[in-house]
Amino acid sequence: MQQKGQPHEDALPDWRGLLRDEYLLLQNTYEDSDRRAVTIKGWSATVAAVGLGAGFQYGRREFWMISVGTAVVFWVLEAIWKAFQYGHSRRIQQIESYFRGEGTSLFRLQAYATWFEEYFSRSVPGQVWENLWLVPVFLPHMIIVVSGITLFIISLATRGAFPAAPKVP
């Protein structure tokens, strides 16, 4: 059944080439999301290292909680980014299925429409919540959160009895 506004397959001799190009574009976009996730992880680890180190250097437990807070922000950001990435998965699967011969008809150049359908087919907060608990998403953020909270609790229990950096005159 032909969708309104779509030319018949015979009218587009290079329609398989268009699908191939669409697939390659989507696959590149999907993989680029993983590269950006690595960047987000790098930001999170850098900020956490500075915060955790500053907590020891200056003897201030507040820095550890700042590190925890920033790690949570980056963790949520990465989960949101993963939801954006997964919005492309349905169209990628459709094109792959078509080229395996499992479908007889597939409308071309539908990446945008399919992304919106997939992304908004479920609750966005629900998608983000599910993504928070994916191992590739929660590492290293969860380690930073647990470390910062553990250091904070230990410092409270020992009344901050840890060596502070010497005061510079």
N, C-alpha and C. Protein backbone atom coordinates (compact mmCIF):
# COMPACT_ATOMS: atom_id res chain seq x y z
N MET A 1 0.83 -1.17 0.00
CA MET A 1 0.00 0.00 0.00
C MET A 1 0.88 1.24 0.00
N GLN A 2 0.62 2.12 -0.91
CA GLN A 2 1.44 3.30 -1.07
C GLN A 2 0.94 4.42 -0.17
N GLN A 3 1.87 5.06 0.55
CA GLN A 3 1.52 6.15 1.42
C GLN A 3 1.40 7.43 0.60
N LYS A 4 0.47 8.30 0.97
CA LYS A 4 0.26 9.55 0.25
C LYS A 4 1.55 10.37 0.26
N GLY A 5 1.90 10.91 -0.88
CA GLY A 5 3.10 11.73 -0.98
C GLY A 5 4.36 10.95 -1.29
N GLN A 6 4.31 9.64 -1.26
CA GLN A 6 5.47 8.81 -1.57
C GLN A 6 5.38 8.34 -3.01
N PRO A 7 6.43 8.54 -3.80
CA PRO A 7 6.40 8.03 -5.17
C PRO A 7 6.45 6.51 -5.18
N HIS A 8 5.89 5.93 -6.19
CA HIS A 8 5.92 4.48 -6.35
C HIS A 8 7.36 4.04 -6.53
N GLU A 9 7.71 2.83 -6.05
CA GLU A 9 9.08 2.34 -6.12
C GLU A 9 9.63 2.37 -7.54
N ASP A 10 8.80 2.13 -8.56
CA ASP A 10 9.29 2.12 -9.94
C ASP A 10 9.71 3.51 -10.39
N ALA A 11 9.18 4.56 -9.76
CA ALA A 11 9.51 5.92 -10.15
C ALA A 11 10.87 6.35 -9.62
N LEU A 12 11.40 5.64 -8.64
CA LEU A 12 12.71 5.95 -8.09
C LEU A 12 13.66 4.78 -8.34
N PRO A 13 14.42 4.83 -9.41
CA PRO A 13 15.29 3.70 -9.72
C PRO A 13 16.39 3.49 -8.68
N ASP A 14 16.79 4.53 -7.97
CA ASP A 14 17.89 4.41 -7.00
C ASP A 14 17.37 4.38 -5.56
N TRP A 15 16.16 3.86 -5.36
CA TRP A 15 15.59 3.87 -4.02
C TRP A 15 16.37 3.00 -3.05
N ARG A 16 16.99 1.92 -3.51
CA ARG A 16 17.80 1.10 -2.61
C ARG A 16 19.05 1.87 -2.19
N GLY A 17 19.57 2.68 -3.10
CA GLY A 17 20.71 3.53 -2.76
C GLY A 17 20.33 4.58 -1.71
N LEU A 18 19.13 5.11 -1.83
CA LEU A 18 18.66 6.07 -0.83
C LEU A 18 18.54 5.41 0.55
N LEU A 19 18.00 4.19 0.57
CA LEU A 19 17.90 3.47 1.84
C LEU A 19 19.28 3.18 2.42
N ARG A 20 20.20 2.80 1.55
CA ARG A 20 21.57 2.53 2.02
C ARG A 20 22.16 3.80 2.62
N ASP A 21 22.00 4.93 1.93
CA ASP A 21 22.54 6.19 2.43
C ASP A 21 21.88 6.59 3.75
N GLU A 22 20.56 6.39 3.83
CA GLU A 22 19.85 6.69 5.07
C GLU A 22 20.37 5.80 6.20
N TYR A 23 20.57 4.53 5.91
CA TYR A 23 21.08 3.59 6.91
C TYR A 23 22.47 4.03 7.40
N LEU A 24 23.35 4.36 6.47
CA LEU A 24 24.71 4.77 6.84
C LEU A 24 24.69 6.05 7.67
N LEU A 25 23.82 6.99 7.31
CA LEU A 25 23.70 8.22 8.08
C LEU A 25 23.20 7.92 9.49
N LEU A 26 22.17 7.10 9.60
CA LEU A 26 21.62 6.75 10.91
C LEU A 26 22.63 5.98 11.75
N GLN A 27 23.32 5.05 11.14
CA GLN A 27 24.31 4.26 11.88
C GLN A 27 25.44 5.15 12.37
N ASN A 28 25.87 6.08 11.55
CA ASN A 28 26.92 7.01 11.96
C ASN A 28 26.44 7.89 13.11
N THR A 29 25.20 8.37 13.02
CA THR A 29 24.62 9.18 14.09
C THR A 29 24.53 8.38 15.39
N TYR A 30 24.10 7.13 15.27
CA TYR A 30 23.97 6.24 16.43
C TYR A 30 25.34 6.04 17.10
N GLU A 31 26.35 5.75 16.29
CA GLU A 31 27.69 5.53 16.84
C GLU A 31 28.30 6.83 17.37
N ASP A 32 27.97 7.96 16.75
CA ASP A 32 28.46 9.24 17.22
C ASP A 32 27.94 9.53 18.62
N SER A 33 26.75 9.05 18.93
CA SER A 33 26.20 9.23 20.27
C SER A 33 27.08 8.52 21.30
N ASP A 34 27.62 7.37 20.95
CA ASP A 34 28.52 6.67 21.87
C ASP A 34 29.81 7.46 22.08
N ARG A 35 30.32 8.08 21.01
CA ARG A 35 31.52 8.90 21.15
C ARG A 35 31.26 10.09 22.07
N ARG A 36 30.09 10.66 21.94
CA ARG A 36 29.75 11.80 22.82
C ARG A 36 29.57 11.34 24.26
N ALA A 37 29.07 10.14 24.46
CA ALA A 37 28.93 9.60 25.81
C ALA A 37 30.29 9.46 26.48
N VAL A 38 31.29 9.08 25.71
CA VAL A 38 32.65 8.97 26.26
C VAL A 38 33.14 10.36 26.68
N THR A 39 32.79 11.38 25.91
CA THR A 39 33.15 12.75 26.28
C THR A 39 32.47 13.14 27.59
N ILE A 40 31.19 12.81 27.73
CA ILE A 40 30.47 13.12 28.96
C ILE A 40 31.13 12.42 30.15
N LYS A 41 31.51 11.16 29.96
CA LYS A 41 32.19 10.42 31.03
C LYS A 41 33.51 11.10 31.40
N GLY A 42 34.23 11.59 30.39
CA GLY A 42 35.49 12.28 30.65
C GLY A 42 35.28 13.54 31.46
N TRP A 43 34.25 14.31 31.13
CA TRP A 43 33.95 15.51 31.91
C TRP A 43 33.63 15.13 33.35
N SER A 44 32.81 14.11 33.52
CA SER A 44 32.39 13.69 34.85
C SER A 44 33.59 13.26 35.68
N ALA A 45 34.44 12.44 35.11
CA ALA A 45 35.61 11.94 35.84
C ALA A 45 36.57 13.08 36.19
N THR A 46 36.74 14.04 35.27
CA THR A 46 37.65 15.16 35.52
C THR A 46 37.14 16.02 36.66
N VAL A 47 35.87 16.40 36.59
CA VAL A 47 35.30 17.23 37.65
C VAL A 47 35.33 16.49 38.99
N ALA A 48 35.03 15.20 38.98
CA ALA A 48 35.03 14.42 40.21
C ALA A 48 36.43 14.32 40.80
N ALA A 49 37.42 14.10 39.95
CA ALA A 49 38.80 14.00 40.45
C ALA A 49 39.23 15.31 41.11
N VAL A 50 38.89 16.42 40.50
CA VAL A 50 39.23 17.72 41.07
C VAL A 50 38.51 17.90 42.41
N GLY A 51 37.22 17.58 42.45
CA GLY A 51 36.44 17.75 43.68
C GLY A 51 36.90 16.84 44.81
N LEU A 52 37.12 15.58 44.47
CA LEU A 52 37.56 14.64 45.51
C LEU A 52 38.96 15.02 46.01
N GLY A 53 39.84 15.39 45.08
CA GLY A 53 41.19 15.82 45.48
C GLY A 53 41.16 17.09 46.32
N ALA A 54 40.31 18.04 45.94
CA ALA A 54 40.21 19.28 46.70
C ALA A 54 39.69 19.01 48.11
N GLY A 55 38.79 18.04 48.25
CA GLY A 55 38.29 17.68 49.57
C GLY A 55 39.41 17.22 50.49
N PHE A 56 40.33 16.43 49.95
CA PHE A 56 41.48 15.99 50.75
C PHE A 56 42.46 17.13 50.98
N GLN A 57 42.76 17.88 49.91
CA GLN A 57 43.78 18.92 50.03
C GLN A 57 43.38 20.00 51.02
N TYR A 58 42.14 20.41 50.98
CA TYR A 58 41.71 21.50 51.84
C TYR A 58 40.98 21.03 53.10
N GLY A 59 40.82 19.71 53.26
CA GLY A 59 40.16 19.18 54.44
C GLY A 59 38.70 19.59 54.54
N ARG A 60 38.05 19.72 53.39
CA ARG A 60 36.65 20.16 53.35
C ARG A 60 35.80 19.09 52.70
N ARG A 61 34.91 18.49 53.49
CA ARG A 61 34.08 17.41 52.97
C ARG A 61 33.04 17.90 51.98
N GLU A 62 32.76 19.19 51.96
CA GLU A 62 31.78 19.74 51.03
C GLU A 62 32.18 19.49 49.57
N PHE A 63 33.48 19.49 49.32
CA PHE A 63 33.96 19.23 47.96
C PHE A 63 33.54 17.84 47.48
N TRP A 64 33.49 16.89 48.41
CA TRP A 64 33.08 15.53 48.02
C TRP A 64 31.62 15.52 47.59
N MET A 65 30.79 16.26 48.28
CA MET A 65 29.38 16.31 47.91
C MET A 65 29.17 17.09 46.61
N ILE A 66 30.02 18.08 46.37
CA ILE A 66 29.96 18.79 45.08
C ILE A 66 30.30 17.81 43.96
N SER A 67 31.30 16.96 44.19
CA SER A 67 31.66 15.93 43.20
C SER A 67 30.50 14.98 42.97
N VAL A 68 29.81 14.60 44.04
CA VAL A 68 28.65 13.72 43.92
C VAL A 68 27.57 14.40 43.09
N GLY A 69 27.29 15.65 43.39
CA GLY A 69 26.26 16.38 42.65
C GLY A 69 26.57 16.52 41.17
N THR A 70 27.82 16.83 40.85
CA THR A 70 28.17 16.96 39.43
C THR A 70 28.14 15.61 38.73
N ALA A 71 28.53 14.55 39.42
CA ALA A 71 28.47 13.21 38.82
C ALA A 71 27.02 12.83 38.52
N VAL A 72 26.10 13.18 39.41
CA VAL A 72 24.68 12.89 39.18
C VAL A 72 24.18 13.66 37.96
N VAL A 73 24.58 14.93 37.84
CA VAL A 73 24.17 15.73 36.68
C VAL A 73 24.67 15.10 35.39
N PHE A 74 25.94 14.71 35.35
CA PHE A 74 26.49 14.08 34.14
C PHE A 74 25.85 12.72 33.88
N TRP A 75 25.53 11.99 34.94
CA TRP A 75 24.87 10.68 34.82
C TRP A 75 23.50 10.84 34.16
N VAL A 76 22.72 11.80 34.63
CA VAL A 76 21.41 12.06 34.05
C VAL A 76 21.56 12.55 32.61
N LEU A 77 22.52 13.42 32.37
CA LEU A 77 22.76 13.90 31.00
C LEU A 77 23.07 12.75 30.06
N GLU A 78 23.89 11.82 30.49
CA GLU A 78 24.21 10.68 29.65
C GLU A 78 22.98 9.79 29.42
N ALA A 79 22.14 9.63 30.43
CA ALA A 79 20.91 8.83 30.27
C ALA A 79 19.96 9.50 29.27
N ILE A 80 19.88 10.82 29.30
CA ILE A 80 19.07 11.55 28.32
C ILE A 80 19.65 11.37 26.93
N TRP A 81 20.95 11.47 26.82
CA TRP A 81 21.62 11.30 25.53
C TRP A 81 21.37 9.91 24.98
N LYS A 82 21.38 8.91 25.84
CA LYS A 82 21.12 7.52 25.42
C LYS A 82 19.69 7.39 24.89
N ALA A 83 18.73 8.10 25.50
CA ALA A 83 17.35 8.07 25.01
C ALA A 83 17.29 8.67 23.61
N PHE A 84 18.04 9.76 23.38
CA PHE A 84 18.10 10.35 22.03
C PHE A 84 18.66 9.32 21.05
N GLN A 85 19.71 8.63 21.45
CA GLN A 85 20.34 7.64 20.59
C GLN A 85 19.38 6.51 20.25
N TYR A 86 18.69 6.00 21.25
CA TYR A 86 17.78 4.88 21.02
C TYR A 86 16.60 5.26 20.14
N GLY A 87 16.32 6.56 20.00
CA GLY A 87 15.27 7.00 19.10
C GLY A 87 15.54 6.60 17.65
N HIS A 88 16.79 6.39 17.30
CA HIS A 88 17.16 6.00 15.93
C HIS A 88 17.09 4.49 15.72
N SER A 89 17.01 3.72 16.78
CA SER A 89 17.15 2.26 16.66
C SER A 89 16.04 1.62 15.83
N ARG A 90 14.81 2.09 15.96
CA ARG A 90 13.73 1.46 15.21
C ARG A 90 13.93 1.59 13.70
N ARG A 91 14.32 2.78 13.25
CA ARG A 91 14.51 2.96 11.81
C ARG A 91 15.70 2.14 11.31
N ILE A 92 16.75 2.08 12.09
CA ILE A 92 17.90 1.25 11.71
C ILE A 92 17.46 -0.21 11.58
N GLN A 93 16.67 -0.68 12.52
CA GLN A 93 16.17 -2.06 12.48
C GLN A 93 15.27 -2.30 11.27
N GLN A 94 14.42 -1.31 10.94
CA GLN A 94 13.54 -1.44 9.78
C GLN A 94 14.34 -1.59 8.50
N ILE A 95 15.36 -0.76 8.33
CA ILE A 95 16.15 -0.81 7.11
C ILE A 95 16.94 -2.12 7.04
N GLU A 96 17.52 -2.54 8.16
CA GLU A 96 18.25 -3.81 8.17
C GLU A 96 17.33 -4.96 7.82
N SER A 97 16.14 -4.96 8.39
CA SER A 97 15.16 -6.01 8.10
C SER A 97 14.80 -6.02 6.61
N TYR A 98 14.62 -4.85 6.06
CA TYR A 98 14.27 -4.75 4.64
C TYR A 98 15.38 -5.35 3.76
N PHE A 99 16.63 -5.01 4.07
CA PHE A 99 17.73 -5.52 3.26
C PHE A 99 17.99 -7.01 3.48
N ARG A 100 17.49 -7.57 4.59
CA ARG A 100 17.57 -9.01 4.78
C ARG A 100 16.47 -9.73 4.01
N GLY A 101 15.56 -8.96 3.40
CA GLY A 101 14.49 -9.55 2.62
C GLY A 101 13.26 -9.88 3.45
N GLU A 102 13.17 -9.34 4.66
CA GLU A 102 12.04 -9.64 5.53
C GLU A 102 10.86 -8.69 5.30
N GLY A 103 11.03 -7.70 4.46
CA GLY A 103 9.94 -6.77 4.18
C GLY A 103 9.84 -6.55 2.68
N THR A 104 8.67 -6.26 2.22
CA THR A 104 8.49 -6.04 0.78
C THR A 104 8.44 -4.57 0.44
N SER A 105 8.16 -3.72 1.39
CA SER A 105 8.06 -2.30 1.10
C SER A 105 8.54 -1.51 2.30
N LEU A 106 9.25 -0.44 2.03
CA LEU A 106 9.74 0.43 3.09
C LEU A 106 9.83 1.83 2.52
N PHE A 107 9.22 2.77 3.20
CA PHE A 107 9.27 4.15 2.73
C PHE A 107 10.65 4.71 3.01
N ARG A 108 11.14 5.47 2.08
CA ARG A 108 12.48 6.02 2.18
C ARG A 108 12.48 7.37 2.88
N LEU A 109 13.66 7.69 3.39
CA LEU A 109 13.92 9.00 3.98
C LEU A 109 12.90 9.35 5.07
N GLN A 110 12.80 8.47 6.05
CA GLN A 110 11.87 8.66 7.16
C GLN A 110 12.58 8.73 8.52
N ALA A 111 13.85 9.11 8.52
CA ALA A 111 14.63 9.12 9.76
C ALA A 111 14.03 10.06 10.80
N TYR A 112 13.66 11.24 10.39
CA TYR A 112 13.13 12.24 11.33
C TYR A 112 11.79 11.79 11.91
N ALA A 113 10.88 11.39 11.04
CA ALA A 113 9.55 10.98 11.51
C ALA A 113 9.64 9.75 12.40
N THR A 114 10.47 8.80 12.03
CA THR A 114 10.60 7.57 12.82
C THR A 114 11.23 7.86 14.18
N TRP A 115 12.21 8.80 14.21
CA TRP A 115 12.84 9.14 15.49
C TRP A 115 11.79 9.69 16.45
N PHE A 116 10.96 10.63 15.98
CA PHE A 116 9.94 11.20 16.85
C PHE A 116 8.94 10.16 17.30
N GLU A 117 8.53 9.28 16.41
CA GLU A 117 7.59 8.23 16.80
C GLU A 117 8.19 7.34 17.88
N GLU A 118 9.44 6.95 17.69
CA GLU A 118 10.09 6.06 18.65
C GLU A 118 10.35 6.77 19.98
N TYR A 119 10.88 7.97 19.91
CA TYR A 119 11.25 8.70 21.13
C TYR A 119 10.04 9.00 22.00
N PHE A 120 8.94 9.39 21.37
CA PHE A 120 7.76 9.76 22.14
C PHE A 120 6.75 8.62 22.28
N SER A 121 7.12 7.41 21.86
CA SER A 121 6.22 6.27 22.02
C SER A 121 6.15 5.81 23.48
N ARG A 122 7.14 6.21 24.26
CA ARG A 122 7.15 5.88 25.69
C ARG A 122 7.40 7.16 26.49
N SER A 123 7.16 7.10 27.75
CA SER A 123 7.40 8.24 28.63
C SER A 123 8.88 8.60 28.60
N VAL A 124 9.17 9.87 28.33
CA VAL A 124 10.57 10.31 28.28
C VAL A 124 11.23 10.15 29.66
N PRO A 125 10.59 10.58 30.76
CA PRO A 125 11.22 10.34 32.07
C PRO A 125 11.42 8.84 32.35
N GLY A 126 10.49 8.01 31.87
CA GLY A 126 10.64 6.57 32.05
C GLY A 126 11.84 6.02 31.29
N GLN A 127 12.05 6.53 30.07
CA GLN A 127 13.21 6.10 29.29
C GLN A 127 14.50 6.51 30.00
N VAL A 128 14.54 7.74 30.49
CA VAL A 128 15.74 8.22 31.17
C VAL A 128 15.99 7.39 32.42
N TRP A 129 14.95 7.09 33.19
CA TRP A 129 15.11 6.27 34.40
C TRP A 129 15.69 4.90 34.06
N GLU A 130 15.16 4.27 33.02
CA GLU A 130 15.67 2.96 32.61
C GLU A 130 17.13 3.06 32.17
N ASN A 131 17.46 4.11 31.44
CA ASN A 131 18.82 4.28 30.94
C ASN A 131 19.82 4.54 32.05
N LEU A 132 19.38 5.14 33.15
CA LEU A 132 20.29 5.39 34.27
C LEU A 132 20.93 4.10 34.78
N TRP A 133 20.23 2.99 34.66
CA TRP A 133 20.69 1.73 35.24
C TRP A 133 21.37 0.82 34.24
N LEU A 134 21.59 1.29 33.03
CA LEU A 134 22.38 0.52 32.06
C LEU A 134 23.85 0.63 32.44
N VAL A 135 24.55 -0.50 32.48
CA VAL A 135 25.95 -0.49 32.90
C VAL A 135 26.79 0.49 32.08
N PRO A 136 26.65 0.54 30.74
CA PRO A 136 27.46 1.50 30.00
C PRO A 136 27.14 2.96 30.34
N VAL A 137 25.99 3.21 30.93
CA VAL A 137 25.62 4.58 31.30
C VAL A 137 26.07 4.90 32.71
N PHE A 138 25.86 4.00 33.67
CA PHE A 138 26.15 4.37 35.05
C PHE A 138 27.61 4.34 35.44
N LEU A 139 28.46 3.76 34.61
CA LEU A 139 29.90 3.82 34.89
C LEU A 139 30.49 5.03 34.18
N PRO A 140 31.32 5.81 34.75
CA PRO A 140 31.90 5.81 36.10
C PRO A 140 31.11 6.62 37.11
N HIS A 141 29.97 7.16 36.68
CA HIS A 141 29.22 8.10 37.53
C HIS A 141 28.85 7.49 38.88
N MET A 142 28.36 6.23 38.86
CA MET A 142 27.95 5.61 40.11
C MET A 142 29.14 5.42 41.06
N ILE A 143 30.29 5.09 40.50
CA ILE A 143 31.49 4.92 41.33
C ILE A 143 31.84 6.23 42.02
N ILE A 144 31.74 7.33 41.28
CA ILE A 144 32.02 8.65 41.84
C ILE A 144 31.02 8.98 42.94
N VAL A 145 29.74 8.72 42.69
CA VAL A 145 28.70 9.01 43.68
C VAL A 145 28.93 8.19 44.95
N VAL A 146 29.16 6.90 44.81
CA VAL A 146 29.38 6.04 45.98
C VAL A 146 30.65 6.47 46.72
N SER A 147 31.72 6.77 45.99
CA SER A 147 32.98 7.19 46.63
C SER A 147 32.80 8.49 47.40
N GLY A 148 32.16 9.46 46.77
CA GLY A 148 31.97 10.75 47.43
C GLY A 148 31.12 10.65 48.67
N ILE A 149 30.03 9.89 48.58
CA ILE A 149 29.15 9.73 49.74
C ILE A 149 29.86 8.95 50.85
N THR A 150 30.62 7.92 50.47
CA THR A 150 31.37 7.14 51.46
C THR A 150 32.39 8.02 52.18
N LEU A 151 33.15 8.81 51.43
CA LEU A 151 34.13 9.71 52.06
C LEU A 151 33.43 10.71 52.99
N PHE A 152 32.30 11.22 52.57
CA PHE A 152 31.55 12.18 53.37
C PHE A 152 31.10 11.54 54.68
N ILE A 153 30.55 10.34 54.61
CA ILE A 153 30.07 9.64 55.81
C ILE A 153 31.23 9.31 56.75
N ILE A 154 32.33 8.84 56.17
CA ILE A 154 33.51 8.53 57.01
C ILE A 154 34.01 9.78 57.71
N SER A 155 34.03 10.90 56.99
CA SER A 155 34.51 12.14 57.61
C SER A 155 33.57 12.61 58.71
N LEU A 156 32.27 12.36 58.54
CA LEU A 156 31.32 12.71 59.61
C LEU A 156 31.52 11.80 60.82
N ALA A 157 31.71 10.51 60.55
CA ALA A 157 31.86 9.54 61.64
C ALA A 157 33.15 9.76 62.42
N THR A 158 34.19 10.22 61.75
CA THR A 158 35.48 10.45 62.41
C THR A 158 35.66 11.92 62.76
N ARG A 159 34.61 12.67 62.63
CA ARG A 159 34.62 14.11 62.91
C ARG A 159 35.69 14.83 62.11
N GLY A 160 35.86 14.37 60.88
CA GLY A 160 36.79 15.03 59.97
C GLY A 160 38.25 14.76 60.27
N ALA A 161 38.52 13.66 61.01
CA ALA A 161 39.90 13.35 61.37
C ALA A 161 40.65 12.75 60.20
N PHE A 162 41.06 13.58 59.30
CA PHE A 162 41.90 13.15 58.20
C PHE A 162 42.91 14.26 58.00
N PRO A 163 44.08 13.92 57.48
CA PRO A 163 45.12 14.96 57.38
C PRO A 163 44.72 16.04 56.39
N ALA A 164 44.82 17.25 56.86
CA ALA A 164 44.55 18.39 55.99
C ALA A 164 45.86 18.90 55.43
N ALA A 165 45.80 19.58 54.35
CA ALA A 165 46.98 20.16 53.73
C ALA A 165 47.52 21.26 54.65
N PRO A 166 48.82 21.41 54.68
CA PRO A 166 49.38 22.48 55.51
C PRO A 166 48.94 23.85 54.99
N LYS A 167 48.75 24.77 55.90
CA LYS A 167 48.35 26.12 55.53
C LYS A 167 49.56 26.86 54.97
N VAL A 168 49.35 27.51 53.86
CA VAL A 168 50.40 28.31 53.24
C VAL A 168 50.30 29.73 53.78
N PRO A 169 51.43 30.27 54.26
CA PRO A 169 51.36 31.62 54.85
C PRO A 169 51.06 32.67 53.82
